[in-house]
């Protein structure tokens, strides 16, 4: 039994092959049938063993082997019982597996049948469609062939028609040429009819015209006389009509010319007037040219006089350098100022110390600039001297103790911010301490938004180029006029980094005014509240009297506050014509010290 049970363990070669490779549906079906046969064989073997086991169990139960019974016998009985139970379970499983296998095989057989039928139906449909397409293609080919044949016939007909047209055109050309020659012969008014007929017959005999054309020409020959007479009559009528038409045209042309003459007369009248005006203008030009010549002569004379003044100034400078008395006079001025500042006139002394000694004249020279610097050096604690950029380097070398201010973008304010920033940086490099820069006030007047933006951009560029120098921004308030424009320009300049805001260049009709100064002081107060920084104010141009200077001091004190201390660090006058007035009011000796000018 053990041998029989062990023989059932190995799997069949078909099972190993099915496990090694992916089986097809037919192989799976065959495998199911093999399993059924193996199950049936196992069941038959179990039947044979079952008989033997039943005999052994019967004998044991009857006591045939009772005398020989041992523990092994009990174990054998137990094994037999277990084997019977196990075989019963295996038999049930085999029956169930056989039933499932047969069911699956039947389902696969049905599916395969349906698939085959479906394929056959699809193949039949495809064959039918192919046959229909082939028939349709053959019909189209026949139709195309018929159309091609028809088109070929039409093409031949078209070619024949074209040849007929060409022949007709040639025939018409020949007839036209013959008719022209006949007309030429008939138009000979001097030739008698017989001569015309003979000439025509000769022409017809030599001409390549056929009998049809000859027959067509004979009626014309018969009526040649009448045609000739009619031709002459028609010619005379046509000539008369032509003459009448030409006469009408000539009359119209004469009228047109008269109208043109009238228009020319009307046009010439302003031209004559223009000619007279031109003559007057030429006379004025001649007078102006004479004035220019006189002015040139005067300029040359003034240049000579200026050169004499320069020579005298240079001589005065040389005399000053070696003149002890002049040096003494300057020392007296200095001493008088100190006395004035310390005791006698502190208010006037403050005003004098706030003046920027300015020379911004078109005819400035090194000598005039040196004179201005000498006057400023005589005032202890002078605020600054204000010069054109080309004199900064020389002034710095000669007067190292002075603060030097210069102007950029002056006086129109139209240069590009980059160029202004570069010239400002160059001035600082040459020795300037302060930059007075002019905004593009004309742009502010033309387009407020764009102008204020340009103010911000310009001041910021100069501020970046001059990080340590003093930046004073000239607003040209006399041109801006309107309060809101002055305030907007002041606010933009201060916000962009200006240290001072300045009223004017001194080069326009209206310069510093109390109204503009009030608006600027208000912007300075607003800037101080916002940032904690106090900016400065400079009144430039038009301040010439002691009363005007006092008015600006009082205005600054009233708006900035009583605690605000006014000094050159936050208040300046840019009008040098104020300086001798202040000195005279204070009783300060001026001696021969030069006075700066420029505003």
Protein backbone atom coordinates (compact mmCIF):
# COMPACT_ATOMS: atom_id res chain seq x y z
CA UNK A 1 0.00 0.00 0.00
CA UNK A 2 2.81 2.34 0.84
CA UNK A 3 4.30 1.68 -2.57
CA UNK A 4 1.02 2.32 -4.26
CA UNK A 5 0.49 5.57 -2.28
CA UNK A 6 4.03 6.72 -3.11
CA UNK A 7 3.45 6.00 -6.81
CA UNK A 8 0.65 8.52 -6.84
CA UNK A 9 2.89 11.48 -5.70
CA UNK A 10 4.94 12.41 -8.88
CA UNK A 11 3.22 14.72 -11.32
CA UNK A 12 2.79 13.86 -14.96
CA UNK A 13 5.15 15.28 -17.66
CA UNK A 14 2.19 17.18 -19.12
CA UNK A 15 1.71 19.00 -15.79
CA UNK A 16 5.43 19.97 -15.63
CA UNK A 17 5.31 21.26 -19.21
CA UNK A 18 2.14 23.27 -18.48
CA UNK A 19 3.85 24.86 -15.49
CA UNK A 20 7.04 25.71 -17.44
CA UNK A 21 5.32 27.42 -20.38
CA UNK A 22 2.06 29.38 -20.80
CA UNK A 23 -0.41 26.74 -22.13
CA UNK A 24 -2.93 27.34 -24.86
CA UNK A 25 -6.66 26.79 -24.39
CA UNK A 26 -6.45 23.38 -26.09
CA UNK A 27 -3.56 22.32 -23.84
CA UNK A 28 -5.51 23.38 -20.73
CA UNK A 29 -8.52 21.41 -21.93
CA UNK A 30 -6.34 18.32 -22.57
CA UNK A 31 -4.80 18.73 -19.12
CA UNK A 32 -8.25 18.69 -17.55
CA UNK A 33 -9.06 15.42 -19.33
CA UNK A 34 -5.76 13.89 -18.12
CA UNK A 35 -6.62 14.87 -14.55
CA UNK A 36 -10.03 13.21 -14.92
CA UNK A 37 -8.41 9.98 -16.15
CA UNK A 38 -5.91 10.08 -13.25
CA UNK A 39 -8.78 10.64 -10.84
CA UNK A 40 -10.65 7.65 -12.24
CA UNK A 41 -7.51 5.48 -11.96
CA UNK A 42 -6.98 6.58 -8.39
CA UNK A 43 -10.60 5.84 -7.61
CA UNK A 44 -10.28 2.29 -9.04
CA UNK A 45 -7.11 1.68 -7.01
CA UNK A 46 -8.91 2.97 -3.96
CA UNK A 47 -11.72 0.48 -4.62
CA UNK A 48 -9.24 -2.41 -4.75
CA UNK A 49 -7.52 -1.26 -1.56
CA UNK A 50 -10.86 -0.66 0.08
CA UNK A 51 -11.77 -4.39 -0.37
CA UNK A 52 -8.49 -5.55 1.09
CA UNK A 53 -8.73 -3.10 3.97
CA UNK A 54 -12.29 -4.24 4.66
CA UNK A 55 -11.13 -7.90 4.82
CA UNK A 56 -8.33 -6.98 7.21
CA UNK A 57 -10.72 -5.00 9.39
CA UNK A 58 -13.20 -7.90 9.40
CA UNK A 59 -10.59 -10.37 10.42
CA UNK A 60 -9.35 -8.13 13.18
CA UNK A 61 -12.84 -7.60 14.45
CA UNK A 62 -13.57 -11.31 14.42
CA UNK A 63 -10.49 -12.04 16.52
CA UNK A 64 -8.67 -13.98 13.86
CA UNK A 65 -5.50 -12.22 14.80
CA UNK A 66 -6.52 -11.58 18.36
CA UNK A 67 -3.84 -13.80 19.83
CA UNK A 68 -1.18 -11.95 17.87
CA UNK A 69 -2.51 -8.41 18.51
CA UNK A 70 0.03 -5.85 19.59
CA UNK A 71 0.35 -2.05 19.71
CA UNK A 72 1.45 -2.14 16.09
CA UNK A 73 -1.84 -3.78 15.27
CA UNK A 74 -3.71 -0.90 16.91
CA UNK A 75 -1.60 1.60 15.01
CA UNK A 76 -2.34 -0.23 11.77
CA UNK A 77 -6.03 -0.07 12.46
CA UNK A 78 -5.77 3.62 13.24
CA UNK A 79 -3.81 4.19 10.01
CA UNK A 80 -6.40 2.27 8.02
CA UNK A 81 -9.22 4.34 9.45
CA UNK A 82 -7.34 7.55 8.74
CA UNK A 83 -6.53 6.36 5.22
CA UNK A 84 -10.19 5.59 4.58
CA UNK A 85 -11.20 9.04 5.73
CA UNK A 86 -8.41 10.65 3.71
CA UNK A 87 -9.30 8.67 0.59
CA UNK A 88 -12.95 9.68 1.02
CA UNK A 89 -11.97 13.37 1.12
CA UNK A 90 -9.63 12.96 -1.86
CA UNK A 91 -12.37 11.17 -3.79
CA UNK A 92 -14.80 14.04 -3.11
CA UNK A 93 -12.20 16.57 -4.20
CA UNK A 94 -11.42 14.56 -7.35
CA UNK A 95 -15.10 14.34 -8.25
CA UNK A 96 -15.54 18.09 -7.73
CA UNK A 97 -12.38 18.89 -9.75
CA UNK A 98 -13.55 16.61 -12.57
CA UNK A 99 -16.93 18.32 -12.65
CA UNK A 100 -15.34 21.81 -12.68
CA UNK A 101 -12.88 20.79 -15.39
CA UNK A 102 -15.62 19.37 -17.59
CA UNK A 103 -17.72 22.54 -17.05
CA UNK A 104 -14.80 24.84 -17.95
CA UNK A 105 -13.96 22.72 -20.98
CA UNK A 106 -17.56 22.94 -22.21
CA UNK A 107 -17.57 26.76 -21.64
CA UNK A 108 -14.29 27.15 -23.53
CA UNK A 109 -15.62 24.99 -26.36
CA UNK A 110 -18.74 27.19 -26.57
CA UNK A 111 -16.66 30.43 -26.48
CA UNK A 112 -14.38 29.09 -29.19
CA UNK A 113 -17.39 28.21 -31.32
CA UNK A 114 -18.83 31.72 -30.85
CA UNK A 115 -15.46 33.32 -31.65
CA UNK A 116 -15.13 31.23 -34.80
CA UNK A 117 -18.64 32.18 -35.89
CA UNK A 118 -17.93 35.86 -35.19
CA UNK A 119 -14.68 35.73 -37.20
CA UNK A 120 -16.47 34.05 -40.08
CA UNK A 121 -19.19 36.75 -40.01
CA UNK A 122 -16.61 39.56 -39.96
CA UNK A 123 -14.68 37.88 -42.78
CA UNK A 124 -17.83 37.54 -44.84
CA UNK A 125 -18.71 41.21 -44.26
CA UNK A 126 -15.17 42.27 -45.21
CA UNK A 127 -15.27 40.13 -48.37
CA UNK A 128 -18.65 41.64 -49.33
CA UNK A 129 -17.34 45.21 -48.71
CA UNK A 130 -14.23 44.44 -50.74
CA UNK A 131 -16.35 43.13 -53.60
CA UNK A 132 -18.55 46.25 -53.52
CA UNK A 133 -15.47 48.52 -53.44
CA UNK A 134 -13.99 46.63 -56.38
CA UNK A 135 -17.20 47.04 -58.37
CA UNK A 136 -17.36 50.79 -57.52
CA UNK A 137 -13.69 51.20 -58.52
CA UNK A 138 -14.34 49.47 -61.85
CA UNK A 139 -17.36 51.75 -62.47
CA UNK A 140 -15.28 54.85 -61.67
CA UNK A 141 -12.50 53.67 -63.96
CA UNK A 142 -15.00 53.18 -66.82
CA UNK A 143 -16.50 56.62 -66.16
CA UNK A 144 -13.02 58.21 -66.06
CA UNK A 145 -12.08 56.52 -69.32
CA UNK A 146 -15.26 57.81 -70.96
CA UNK A 147 -14.60 61.33 -69.72
CA UNK A 148 -11.01 61.15 -70.94
CA UNK A 149 -12.20 60.08 -74.38
CA UNK A 150 -14.78 62.88 -74.44
CA UNK A 151 -12.15 65.44 -73.42
CA UNK A 152 -9.83 64.18 -76.15
CA UNK A 153 -12.59 64.70 -78.76
CA UNK A 154 -13.28 68.19 -77.39
CA UNK A 155 -9.56 69.04 -77.48
CA UNK A 156 -9.39 68.02 -81.16
CA UNK A 157 -12.47 70.10 -81.91
CA UNK A 158 -10.91 73.08 -80.08
CA UNK A 159 -7.68 72.74 -82.09
CA UNK A 160 -9.68 72.61 -85.33
CA UNK A 161 -11.63 75.72 -84.27
CA UNK A 162 -8.41 77.54 -83.44
CA UNK A 163 -7.01 76.69 -86.88
CA UNK A 164 -10.24 77.97 -88.50
CA UNK A 165 -10.02 81.21 -86.52
CA UNK A 166 -6.41 81.70 -87.55
CA UNK A 167 -7.31 81.13 -91.21
CA UNK A 168 -10.24 83.57 -90.92
CA UNK A 169 -8.00 86.15 -89.31
CA UNK A 170 -5.46 85.78 -92.11
CA UNK A 171 -8.29 86.08 -94.67
CA UNK A 172 -9.66 89.20 -92.99
CA UNK A 173 -6.18 90.73 -92.97
CA UNK A 174 -5.79 90.06 -96.71
CA UNK A 175 -9.23 91.58 -97.44
CA UNK A 176 -8.44 94.60 -95.29
CA UNK A 177 -5.15 95.12 -97.08
CA UNK A 178 -6.85 94.82 -100.51
CA UNK A 179 -9.61 97.23 -99.47
CA UNK A 180 -7.00 99.71 -98.31
CA UNK A 181 -5.24 99.58 -101.65
CA UNK A 182 -8.55 99.97 -103.52
CA UNK A 183 -9.43 102.99 -101.38
CA UNK A 184 -5.99 104.42 -102.05
CA UNK A 185 -6.53 104.12 -105.83
CA UNK A 186 -10.08 105.54 -105.67
CA UNK A 187 -8.94 108.49 -103.56
CA UNK A 188 -6.81 109.76 -106.46
CA UNK A 189 -8.95 112.78 -107.41
CA UNK A 190 -6.90 113.67 -110.47
CA UNK A 191 -7.07 110.27 -112.16
CA UNK A 192 -9.88 109.73 -114.76
CA UNK A 193 -12.30 106.87 -114.24
CA UNK A 194 -10.80 104.74 -117.01
CA UNK A 195 -7.37 105.11 -115.51
CA UNK A 196 -8.71 104.18 -112.08
CA UNK A 197 -10.44 101.13 -113.54
CA UNK A 198 -7.33 100.03 -115.43
CA UNK A 199 -5.17 100.53 -112.38
CA UNK A 200 -7.63 98.59 -110.26
CA UNK A 201 -7.81 95.74 -112.76
CA UNK A 202 -4.04 95.61 -112.92
CA UNK A 203 -3.91 95.51 -109.15
CA UNK A 204 -6.52 92.79 -108.97
CA UNK A 205 -4.67 90.70 -111.58
CA UNK A 206 -1.41 90.93 -109.65
CA UNK A 207 -2.98 90.73 -106.18
CA UNK A 208 -3.26 87.35 -104.49
CA UNK A 209 -7.06 87.75 -104.20
CA UNK A 210 -9.35 85.01 -105.42
CA UNK A 211 -12.35 85.29 -107.81
CA UNK A 212 -14.71 85.97 -104.93
CA UNK A 213 -12.83 89.09 -104.00
CA UNK A 214 -12.67 90.15 -107.71
CA UNK A 215 -16.44 89.79 -108.05
CA UNK A 216 -16.93 91.75 -104.82
CA UNK A 217 -14.73 94.57 -106.13
CA UNK A 218 -16.56 94.97 -109.51
CA UNK A 219 -19.60 96.81 -108.04
CA UNK A 220 -17.19 99.18 -106.31
CA UNK A 221 -15.49 99.82 -109.63
CA UNK A 222 -18.85 100.47 -111.30
CA UNK A 223 -19.77 103.05 -108.65
CA UNK A 224 -16.28 104.62 -108.49
CA UNK A 225 -17.40 107.85 -110.19
CA UNK A 226 -20.33 108.37 -107.87
CA UNK A 227 -18.16 107.46 -104.90
CA UNK A 228 -15.52 109.90 -106.01
CA UNK A 229 -18.09 112.73 -106.28
CA UNK A 230 -19.58 111.79 -102.92
CA UNK A 231 -16.08 111.60 -101.44
CA UNK A 232 -15.31 115.13 -102.61
CA UNK A 233 -18.62 116.41 -101.20
CA UNK A 234 -18.07 114.67 -97.89
CA UNK A 235 -14.52 115.99 -97.79
CA UNK A 236 -15.73 119.58 -98.27
CA UNK A 237 -18.37 119.12 -95.56
CA UNK A 238 -15.83 117.59 -93.21
CA UNK A 239 -13.41 120.42 -93.95
CA UNK A 240 -16.10 123.01 -93.21
CA UNK A 241 -16.98 121.25 -89.95
CA UNK A 242 -13.30 121.05 -89.02
CA UNK A 243 -12.79 124.77 -89.72
CA UNK A 244 -15.87 125.66 -87.63
CA UNK A 245 -14.72 123.40 -84.83
CA UNK A 246 -11.22 124.87 -84.89
CA UNK A 247 -12.68 128.39 -84.88
CA UNK A 248 -14.78 127.54 -81.79
CA UNK A 249 -11.72 126.02 -80.12
CA UNK A 250 -9.66 129.11 -80.96
CA UNK A 251 -12.38 131.37 -79.51
CA UNK A 252 -12.49 129.30 -76.33
CA UNK A 253 -8.71 129.33 -76.09
CA UNK A 254 -8.68 133.12 -76.51
CA UNK A 255 -11.25 133.44 -73.71
CA UNK A 256 -9.19 131.10 -71.51
CA UNK A 257 -6.04 133.12 -72.16
CA UNK A 258 -7.88 136.33 -71.31
CA UNK A 259 -9.02 134.72 -68.04
CA UNK A 260 -5.44 133.63 -67.36
CA UNK A 261 -4.21 137.17 -68.03
CA UNK A 262 -6.77 138.45 -65.57
CA UNK A 263 -5.67 135.89 -62.99
CA UNK A 264 -2.03 136.80 -63.58
CA UNK A 265 -2.88 140.44 -63.02
CA UNK A 266 -4.63 139.53 -59.78
CA UNK A 267 -1.66 137.35 -58.78
CA UNK A 268 0.90 139.96 -59.68
CA UNK A 269 -0.71 142.57 -57.43
CA UNK A 270 0.34 140.86 -54.15
CA UNK A 271 3.65 139.99 -55.76
CA UNK A 272 4.25 143.66 -56.45
CA UNK A 273 3.28 144.45 -52.90
CA UNK A 274 5.57 141.64 -51.70
CA UNK A 275 8.36 143.11 -53.81
CA UNK A 276 7.89 146.47 -52.14
CA UNK A 277 7.83 144.78 -48.72
CA UNK A 278 10.99 142.88 -49.67
CA UNK A 279 12.70 146.11 -50.64
CA UNK A 280 11.72 147.60 -47.28
CA UNK A 281 12.95 144.46 -45.50
CA UNK A 282 16.24 144.63 -47.38
CA UNK A 283 16.58 148.23 -46.29
CA UNK A 284 15.94 147.19 -42.69
CA UNK A 285 18.47 144.35 -43.05
CA UNK A 286 21.00 146.84 -44.32
CA UNK A 287 20.26 149.08 -41.34
CA UNK A 288 20.54 146.13 -38.92
CA UNK A 289 23.78 145.03 -40.59
CA UNK A 290 25.11 148.54 -40.06
CA UNK A 291 24.02 148.36 -36.43
CA UNK A 292 25.77 145.00 -36.10
CA UNK A 293 28.90 146.46 -37.61
CA UNK A 294 28.67 149.35 -35.16
CA UNK A 295 28.06 146.87 -32.33
CA UNK A 296 31.07 144.83 -33.43
CA UNK A 297 33.18 147.96 -33.42
CA UNK A 298 31.80 148.80 -29.96
CA UNK A 299 32.50 145.24 -28.80
CA UNK A 300 36.07 145.49 -29.96
CA UNK A 301 36.38 148.84 -28.22
CA UNK A 302 34.79 147.33 -25.10
CA UNK A 303 37.15 144.37 -25.37
CA UNK A 304 40.09 146.74 -25.48
CA UNK A 305 38.65 148.63 -22.52
CA UNK A 306 38.01 145.35 -20.69
CA UNK A 307 41.54 144.24 -21.36
CA UNK A 308 42.74 147.54 -19.94
CA UNK A 309 40.57 146.93 -16.86
CA UNK A 310 41.92 143.40 -16.56
CA UNK A 311 45.45 144.72 -16.84
CA UNK A 312 44.66 147.29 -14.17
CA UNK A 313 43.07 144.61 -11.99
CA UNK A 314 46.09 142.36 -12.39
CA UNK A 315 48.30 145.27 -11.55
CA UNK A 316 46.05 146.01 -8.56
CA UNK A 317 46.40 142.37 -7.50
CA UNK A 318 50.15 142.61 -7.79
CA UNK A 319 50.07 145.90 -5.91
CA UNK A 320 47.81 144.30 -3.32
CA UNK A 321 50.18 141.38 -2.85
CA UNK A 322 53.06 143.77 -2.12
CA UNK A 323 51.20 146.77 -0.66
CA UNK A 324 51.35 146.92 3.08
CA UNK A 325 48.80 149.73 3.26
CA UNK A 326 46.23 147.72 1.32
CA UNK A 327 46.85 144.73 3.54
CA UNK A 328 46.36 147.03 6.51
CA UNK A 329 43.05 148.23 5.06
CA UNK A 330 41.84 144.66 4.69
CA UNK A 331 42.83 143.95 8.27
CA UNK A 332 40.86 147.00 9.36
CA UNK A 333 37.84 145.64 7.52
CA UNK A 334 38.30 142.32 9.25
CA UNK A 335 38.68 143.96 12.63
CA UNK A 336 35.64 146.16 12.05
CA UNK A 337 33.60 143.10 11.17
CA UNK A 338 34.69 141.26 14.28
CA UNK A 339 33.76 144.27 16.36
CA UNK A 340 30.42 144.49 14.59
CA UNK A 341 29.72 140.82 15.13
CA UNK A 342 30.71 140.70 18.77
CA UNK A 343 29.15 143.88 20.09
CA UNK A 344 27.74 146.62 17.91
CA UNK A 345 25.45 145.06 15.23
CA UNK A 346 25.01 141.33 15.80
CA UNK A 347 21.99 141.13 13.45
CA UNK A 348 23.86 142.82 10.60
CA UNK A 349 26.92 140.72 11.29
CA UNK A 350 24.75 137.58 10.97
CA UNK A 351 23.32 138.83 7.71
CA UNK A 352 26.80 139.52 6.32
CA UNK A 353 27.98 136.04 7.37
CA UNK A 354 25.01 134.47 5.52
CA UNK A 355 25.90 136.04 2.18
CA UNK A 356 27.33 133.80 -0.58
CA UNK A 357 29.88 136.06 -2.31
CA UNK A 358 28.78 135.47 -5.87
CA UNK A 359 30.23 136.21 -9.30
CA UNK A 360 28.35 134.52 -12.13
CA UNK A 361 28.89 136.99 -14.98
CA UNK A 362 29.48 136.02 -18.60
CA UNK A 363 32.67 138.10 -18.65
CA UNK A 364 34.20 136.60 -15.50
CA UNK A 365 37.98 136.14 -15.55
CA UNK A 366 40.51 134.71 -13.18
CA UNK A 367 41.16 138.27 -11.93
CA UNK A 368 37.50 139.07 -11.19
CA UNK A 369 37.07 135.72 -9.48
CA UNK A 370 40.20 136.33 -7.37
CA UNK A 371 38.81 139.75 -6.35
CA UNK A 372 35.55 138.12 -5.18
CA UNK A 373 37.46 135.49 -3.24
CA UNK A 374 39.65 138.19 -1.61
CA UNK A 375 36.55 140.07 -0.48
CA UNK A 376 35.09 136.88 1.01
CA UNK A 377 38.37 136.06 2.74
CA UNK A 378 38.22 139.47 4.46
CA UNK A 379 34.95 138.44 6.20
CA UNK A 380 35.60 136.00 9.07
CA UNK A 381 33.36 132.98 8.69
CA UNK A 382 32.08 133.98 5.25
CA UNK A 383 29.42 131.51 4.13
CA UNK A 384 30.94 130.73 0.71
CA UNK A 385 31.94 132.10 -2.67
CA UNK A 386 29.83 131.05 -5.68
CA UNK A 387 31.70 130.71 -9.00
CA UNK A 388 31.41 129.10 -12.41
CA UNK A 389 32.85 125.54 -12.49
CA UNK A 390 35.85 126.49 -14.65
CA UNK A 391 37.25 128.74 -11.87
CA UNK A 392 36.83 126.28 -8.97
CA UNK A 393 40.21 124.58 -9.20
CA UNK A 394 42.18 127.85 -9.40
CA UNK A 395 40.20 129.40 -6.54
CA UNK A 396 40.78 126.36 -4.37
CA UNK A 397 44.54 126.58 -4.96
CA UNK A 398 44.71 130.31 -4.12
CA UNK A 399 42.15 130.39 -1.29
CA UNK A 400 42.23 127.06 0.51
CA UNK A 401 40.46 128.48 3.58
CA UNK A 402 37.26 129.44 1.72
CA UNK A 403 34.13 127.36 1.15
CA UNK A 404 33.52 127.25 -2.60
CA UNK A 405 30.11 126.76 -4.24
CA UNK A 406 29.56 126.30 -7.95
CA UNK A 407 26.58 125.94 -10.29
CA UNK A 408 25.56 123.04 -12.56
CA UNK A 409 22.74 122.72 -15.10
CA UNK A 410 22.86 126.51 -14.99
CA UNK A 411 20.85 128.58 -15.82
CA UNK A 412 18.28 126.77 -18.04
CA UNK A 413 18.11 123.43 -16.21
CA UNK A 414 17.63 121.34 -19.37
CA UNK A 415 20.66 119.00 -19.27
CA UNK A 416 20.29 115.25 -18.70
CA UNK A 417 20.50 114.10 -15.06
CA UNK A 418 23.50 111.86 -15.82
CA UNK A 419 25.45 114.75 -17.35
CA UNK A 420 24.56 117.05 -14.42
CA UNK A 421 25.64 114.41 -11.91
CA UNK A 422 28.97 113.97 -13.75
CA UNK A 423 29.69 117.73 -13.85
CA UNK A 424 28.77 118.01 -10.16
CA UNK A 425 31.17 115.21 -9.23
CA UNK A 426 33.91 116.89 -11.31
CA UNK A 427 33.37 120.19 -9.48
CA UNK A 428 33.71 118.46 -6.11
CA UNK A 429 36.86 116.78 -7.36
CA UNK A 430 38.27 120.21 -8.36
CA UNK A 431 37.70 121.54 -4.83
CA UNK A 432 34.07 122.71 -4.55
CA UNK A 433 32.24 122.23 -1.27
CA UNK A 434 28.73 123.03 -2.46
CA UNK A 435 26.67 122.44 -5.64
CA UNK A 436 23.85 124.79 -6.70
CA UNK A 437 21.87 122.80 -9.31
CA UNK A 438 18.98 124.14 -11.43
CA UNK A 439 15.85 122.02 -12.03
CA UNK A 440 14.05 121.83 -15.39
CA UNK A 441 11.41 124.39 -14.34
CA UNK A 442 10.09 124.72 -17.90
CA UNK A 443 9.14 121.03 -17.90
CA UNK A 444 7.34 121.54 -14.56
CA UNK A 445 5.33 124.36 -16.18
CA UNK A 446 4.54 122.27 -19.27
CA UNK A 447 3.72 118.96 -17.60
CA UNK A 448 3.51 119.01 -13.82
CA UNK A 449 3.68 115.25 -13.26
CA UNK A 450 6.58 114.70 -15.66
CA UNK A 451 8.37 117.81 -14.36
CA UNK A 452 8.17 116.80 -10.68
CA UNK A 453 9.36 113.30 -11.61
CA UNK A 454 12.32 114.89 -13.42
CA UNK A 455 13.09 117.00 -10.29
CA UNK A 456 13.24 113.85 -8.17
CA UNK A 457 15.44 112.03 -10.67
CA UNK A 458 17.83 115.00 -11.08
CA UNK A 459 18.31 115.70 -7.36
CA UNK A 460 18.73 112.00 -6.56
CA UNK A 461 21.41 111.68 -9.28
CA UNK A 462 23.35 114.71 -7.97
CA UNK A 463 22.95 113.49 -4.38
CA UNK A 464 24.48 110.12 -5.32
CA UNK A 465 27.33 111.84 -7.19
CA UNK A 466 27.99 114.25 -4.29
CA UNK A 467 27.55 112.17 -1.12
CA UNK A 468 29.53 114.55 1.14
CA UNK A 469 29.04 117.97 -0.50
CA UNK A 470 26.22 120.42 0.18
CA UNK A 471 23.46 120.26 -2.50
CA UNK A 472 21.39 123.42 -3.05
CA UNK A 473 18.49 123.03 -5.51
CA UNK A 474 17.45 126.13 -7.52
CA UNK A 475 13.67 126.11 -8.21
CA UNK A 476 13.38 129.34 -10.25
CA UNK A 477 10.22 130.34 -8.34
CA UNK A 478 9.79 133.55 -10.37
CA UNK A 479 9.01 131.36 -13.40
CA UNK A 480 6.92 128.74 -11.58
CA UNK A 481 4.77 131.51 -10.03
CA UNK A 482 1.95 129.23 -8.81
CA UNK A 483 2.00 128.24 -5.15
CA UNK A 484 1.19 124.58 -5.74
CA UNK A 485 4.00 124.21 -8.30
CA UNK A 486 6.53 125.83 -5.94
CA UNK A 487 5.39 123.55 -3.09
CA UNK A 488 5.49 120.40 -5.28
CA UNK A 489 9.00 121.23 -6.53
CA UNK A 490 10.20 122.02 -2.97
CA UNK A 491 8.78 118.77 -1.57
CA UNK A 492 10.27 116.69 -4.40
CA UNK A 493 13.73 118.27 -4.03
CA UNK A 494 13.82 117.79 -0.24
CA UNK A 495 12.54 114.20 -0.47
CA UNK A 496 15.27 113.37 -3.04
CA UNK A 497 18.07 114.57 -0.71
CA UNK A 498 18.51 118.35 -1.14
CA UNK A 499 20.31 120.13 1.73
CA UNK A 500 19.03 123.57 0.64
CA UNK A 501 16.24 124.83 -1.58
CA UNK A 502 17.06 128.06 -3.40
CA UNK A 503 14.67 130.52 -5.01
CA UNK A 504 16.34 131.65 -8.25
CA UNK A 505 19.25 131.79 -10.65
CA UNK A 506 19.16 135.60 -10.76
CA UNK A 507 18.92 135.35 -14.58
CA UNK A 508 15.14 135.80 -15.00
CA UNK A 509 12.93 138.90 -14.65
CA UNK A 510 11.34 137.81 -11.33
CA UNK A 511 13.59 136.17 -8.75
CA UNK A 512 13.15 135.89 -4.99
CA UNK A 513 9.78 136.99 -3.51
CA UNK A 514 8.41 136.74 0.07
CA UNK A 515 5.41 134.75 -1.23
CA UNK A 516 7.63 132.05 -2.75
CA UNK A 517 9.89 132.05 0.33
CA UNK A 518 6.86 131.44 2.59
CA UNK A 519 5.86 128.33 0.61
CA UNK A 520 9.44 127.04 0.69
CA UNK A 521 9.73 127.57 4.47
CA UNK A 522 6.47 125.62 4.93
CA UNK A 523 7.90 122.72 2.90
CA UNK A 524 11.04 122.81 5.08
CA UNK A 525 8.89 122.57 8.25
CA UNK A 526 6.88 119.65 6.78
CA UNK A 527 10.13 117.89 5.83
CA UNK A 528 11.49 118.38 9.35
CA UNK A 529 8.34 116.89 10.91
CA UNK A 530 8.48 113.92 8.57
CA UNK A 531 12.20 113.10 8.74
CA UNK A 532 13.57 115.00 11.72
CA UNK A 533 16.05 116.81 9.45
CA UNK A 534 16.12 120.61 8.95
CA UNK A 535 16.94 121.75 5.44
CA UNK A 536 18.28 125.20 4.51
CA UNK A 537 16.84 128.12 2.52
CA UNK A 538 18.64 130.48 0.13
CA UNK A 539 17.15 133.75 -1.13
CA UNK A 540 18.86 134.48 -4.43
CA UNK A 541 18.34 137.43 -6.74
CA UNK A 542 16.52 140.67 -6.02
CA UNK A 543 17.48 141.13 -2.34
CA UNK A 544 19.19 144.54 -2.36
CA UNK A 545 18.05 146.46 0.73
CA UNK A 546 18.35 146.13 4.46
CA UNK A 547 14.54 146.05 4.80
CA UNK A 548 14.29 143.12 2.38
CA UNK A 549 16.94 141.16 4.27
CA UNK A 550 15.15 141.82 7.57
CA UNK A 551 11.83 140.68 6.04
CA UNK A 552 13.28 137.30 5.04
CA UNK A 553 14.88 136.83 8.48
CA UNK A 554 11.57 137.54 10.20
CA UNK A 555 9.66 135.28 7.80
CA UNK A 556 12.05 132.41 8.47
CA UNK A 557 11.85 132.89 12.24
CA UNK A 558 8.03 133.09 12.24
CA UNK A 559 7.56 129.89 10.22
CA UNK A 560 10.50 127.78 11.42
CA UNK A 561 9.90 128.75 15.07
CA UNK A 562 11.56 130.84 17.71
CA UNK A 563 13.77 127.91 18.77
CA UNK A 564 15.19 127.63 15.27
CA UNK A 565 18.61 129.28 15.20
CA UNK A 566 19.38 131.04 11.93
CA UNK A 567 22.98 130.81 10.72
CA UNK A 568 24.88 130.12 7.46
CA UNK A 569 24.30 126.38 7.87
CA UNK A 570 20.56 126.82 7.17
CA UNK A 571 20.11 130.31 5.69
CA UNK A 572 21.85 132.09 2.83
CA UNK A 573 21.57 135.22 0.71
CA UNK A 574 22.70 134.84 -2.89
CA UNK A 575 22.69 138.55 -3.73
CA UNK A 576 26.15 140.10 -3.46
CA UNK A 577 24.72 143.57 -4.11
CA UNK A 578 23.31 143.30 -0.59
CA UNK A 579 26.77 143.10 0.97
CA UNK A 580 27.88 146.79 0.65
CA UNK A 581 24.44 147.89 1.91
CA UNK A 582 24.84 145.77 5.04
CA UNK A 583 28.38 147.05 5.61
CA UNK A 584 27.31 150.65 5.20
CA UNK A 585 24.40 150.19 7.63
CA UNK A 586 26.78 148.68 10.16
CA UNK A 587 29.38 151.39 9.64
CA UNK A 588 32.01 148.86 8.68
CA UNK A 589 35.07 150.25 6.86
CA UNK A 590 35.23 148.97 3.31
CA UNK A 591 38.46 150.61 2.20
CA UNK A 592 39.36 149.55 -1.30
CA UNK A 593 38.18 145.99 -0.89
CA UNK A 594 36.37 144.77 -4.04
CA UNK A 595 32.70 143.89 -3.96
CA UNK A 596 31.45 140.72 -5.66
CA UNK A 597 28.64 140.78 -8.19
CA UNK A 598 26.65 138.37 -10.26
CA UNK A 599 23.05 138.39 -9.03
